[in-house]
Amino acid sequence: MKNATIQLDTLACPSCAQKIENATKALDGVDKDSVKILFNSSRVKLDFDDQKISIEDVENAITALGYEVKKSKVK
């Protein structure tokens, strides 16, 4: 499992955060219990299995919702 922090351009409202949380939890390979949306800092933290999904796939799911990913950090 890898740990990722994804910095978004901005989160405008709590419903935006909920949309991103639901979308990332639905991805195969993302640990659903690890998904945390840090609303005040516009960040998404999650764990994922890099054998099943890439960080780019996670970023693409977020951008498909209309949100801009600024950068990601994977450990």
C-alpha atoms as a PDB file:
ATOM      1  CA  MET A   1       0.000   0.000   0.000  1.00  0.00           C
ATOM      2  CA  LYS A   2       1.111   3.511  -0.807  1.00  0.00           C
ATOM      3  CA  ASN A   3       0.033   6.680   0.970  1.00  0.00           C
ATOM      4  CA  ALA A   4      -0.911   9.732  -1.097  1.00  0.00           C
ATOM      5  CA  THR A   5      -1.636  13.367  -0.389  1.00  0.00           C
ATOM      6  CA  ILE A   6      -3.319  15.143  -3.264  1.00  0.00           C
ATOM      7  CA  GLN A   7      -3.338  18.946  -3.245  1.00  0.00           C
ATOM      8  CA  LEU A   8      -6.354  20.443  -4.995  1.00  0.00           C
ATOM      9  CA  ASP A   9      -6.687  23.966  -6.337  1.00  0.00           C
ATOM     10  CA  THR A  10      -9.624  24.663  -4.043  1.00  0.00           C
ATOM     11  CA  LEU A  11     -12.636  23.090  -2.394  1.00  0.00           C
ATOM     12  CA  ALA A  12     -15.548  25.503  -2.507  1.00  0.00           C
ATOM     13  CA  CYS A  13     -18.035  23.721  -0.256  1.00  0.00           C
ATOM     14  CA  PRO A  14     -18.628  20.620   1.868  1.00  0.00           C
ATOM     15  CA  SER A  15     -20.688  18.993  -0.895  1.00  0.00           C
ATOM     16  CA  CYS A  16     -17.635  19.262  -3.184  1.00  0.00           C
ATOM     17  CA  ALA A  17     -15.598  17.428  -0.577  1.00  0.00           C
ATOM     18  CA  GLN A  18     -18.314  14.761  -0.325  1.00  0.00           C
ATOM     19  CA  LYS A  19     -18.312  14.233  -4.113  1.00  0.00           C
ATOM     20  CA  ILE A  20     -14.548  13.728  -4.115  1.00  0.00           C
ATOM     21  CA  GLU A  21     -14.717  11.407  -1.112  1.00  0.00           C
ATOM     22  CA  ASN A  22     -17.405   9.255  -2.726  1.00  0.00           C
ATOM     23  CA  ALA A  23     -15.582   9.106  -6.070  1.00  0.00           C
ATOM     24  CA  THR A  24     -12.230   8.110  -4.573  1.00  0.00           C
ATOM     25  CA  LYS A  25     -13.793   5.512  -2.265  1.00  0.00           C
ATOM     26  CA  ALA A  26     -15.466   3.918  -5.295  1.00  0.00           C
ATOM     27  CA  LEU A  27     -12.128   3.297  -7.050  1.00  0.00           C
ATOM     28  CA  ASP A  28     -10.875  -0.297  -7.019  1.00  0.00           C
ATOM     29  CA  GLY A  29      -7.553  -0.327  -5.213  1.00  0.00           C
ATOM     30  CA  VAL A  30      -8.241   2.595  -2.876  1.00  0.00           C
ATOM     31  CA  ASP A  31      -8.511   1.727   0.828  1.00  0.00           C
ATOM     32  CA  LYS A  32     -11.970   3.132   1.514  1.00  0.00           C
ATOM     33  CA  ASP A  33     -11.306   3.526   5.254  1.00  0.00           C
ATOM     34  CA  SER A  34      -8.226   5.658   4.600  1.00  0.00           C
ATOM     35  CA  VAL A  35      -9.865   8.397   2.500  1.00  0.00           C
ATOM     36  CA  LYS A  36      -9.819  11.724   4.313  1.00  0.00           C
ATOM     37  CA  ILE A  37     -10.780  15.071   2.845  1.00  0.00           C
ATOM     38  CA  LEU A  38      -9.012  17.989   4.520  1.00  0.00           C
ATOM     39  CA  PHE A  39     -11.452  20.721   3.551  1.00  0.00           C
ATOM     40  CA  ASN A  40      -9.578  23.714   5.017  1.00  0.00           C
ATOM     41  CA  SER A  41      -6.324  22.864   3.226  1.00  0.00           C
ATOM     42  CA  SER A  42      -7.961  21.489   0.035  1.00  0.00           C
ATOM     43  CA  ARG A  43      -6.207  18.124   0.352  1.00  0.00           C
ATOM     44  CA  VAL A  44      -7.183  14.519  -0.098  1.00  0.00           C
ATOM     45  CA  LYS A  45      -5.312  11.829   1.829  1.00  0.00           C
ATOM     46  CA  LEU A  46      -5.685   8.155   1.033  1.00  0.00           C
ATOM     47  CA  ASP A  47      -3.956   4.798   0.815  1.00  0.00           C
ATOM     48  CA  PHE A  48      -3.988   2.814  -2.403  1.00  0.00           C
ATOM     49  CA  ASP A  49      -2.681  -0.459  -3.791  1.00  0.00           C
ATOM     50  CA  ASP A  50      -0.299   0.522  -6.576  1.00  0.00           C
ATOM     51  CA  GLN A  51      -0.663  -2.963  -8.073  1.00  0.00           C
ATOM     52  CA  LYS A  52      -4.348  -2.201  -8.785  1.00  0.00           C
ATOM     53  CA  ILE A  53      -4.462   1.549  -9.393  1.00  0.00           C
ATOM     54  CA  SER A  54      -2.048   4.407 -10.055  1.00  0.00           C
ATOM     55  CA  ILE A  55      -2.018   7.859  -8.519  1.00  0.00           C
ATOM     56  CA  GLU A  56      -2.768   9.176 -12.010  1.00  0.00           C
ATOM     57  CA  ASP A  57      -6.001   7.135 -12.041  1.00  0.00           C
ATOM     58  CA  VAL A  58      -7.019   8.707  -8.735  1.00  0.00           C
ATOM     59  CA  GLU A  59      -6.153  12.183 -10.016  1.00  0.00           C
ATOM     60  CA  ASN A  60      -8.129  11.557 -13.211  1.00  0.00           C
ATOM     61  CA  ALA A  61     -11.196  10.538 -11.195  1.00  0.00           C
ATOM     62  CA  ILE A  62     -10.978  13.822  -9.288  1.00  0.00           C
ATOM     63  CA  THR A  63     -10.436  15.963 -12.406  1.00  0.00           C
ATOM     64  CA  ALA A  64     -13.354  14.187 -14.109  1.00  0.00           C
ATOM     65  CA  LEU A  65     -15.544  15.717 -11.388  1.00  0.00           C
ATOM     66  CA  GLY A  66     -14.324  19.184 -12.404  1.00  0.00           C
ATOM     67  CA  TYR A  67     -11.681  19.803  -9.731  1.00  0.00           C
ATOM     68  CA  GLU A  68      -8.092  20.767 -10.461  1.00  0.00           C
ATOM     69  CA  VAL A  69      -5.268  18.708  -8.972  1.00  0.00           C
ATOM     70  CA  LYS A  70      -2.231  20.880  -8.276  1.00  0.00           C
ATOM     71  CA  LYS A  71       0.184  18.155  -7.174  1.00  0.00           C
ATOM     72  CA  SER A  72       0.380  14.776  -5.490  1.00  0.00           C
ATOM     73  CA  LYS A  73       2.858  13.295  -3.061  1.00  0.00           C
ATOM     74  CA  VAL A  74       3.145   9.514  -2.767  1.00  0.00           C
ATOM     75  CA  LYS A  75       5.025   7.623  -0.064  1.00  0.00           C
END
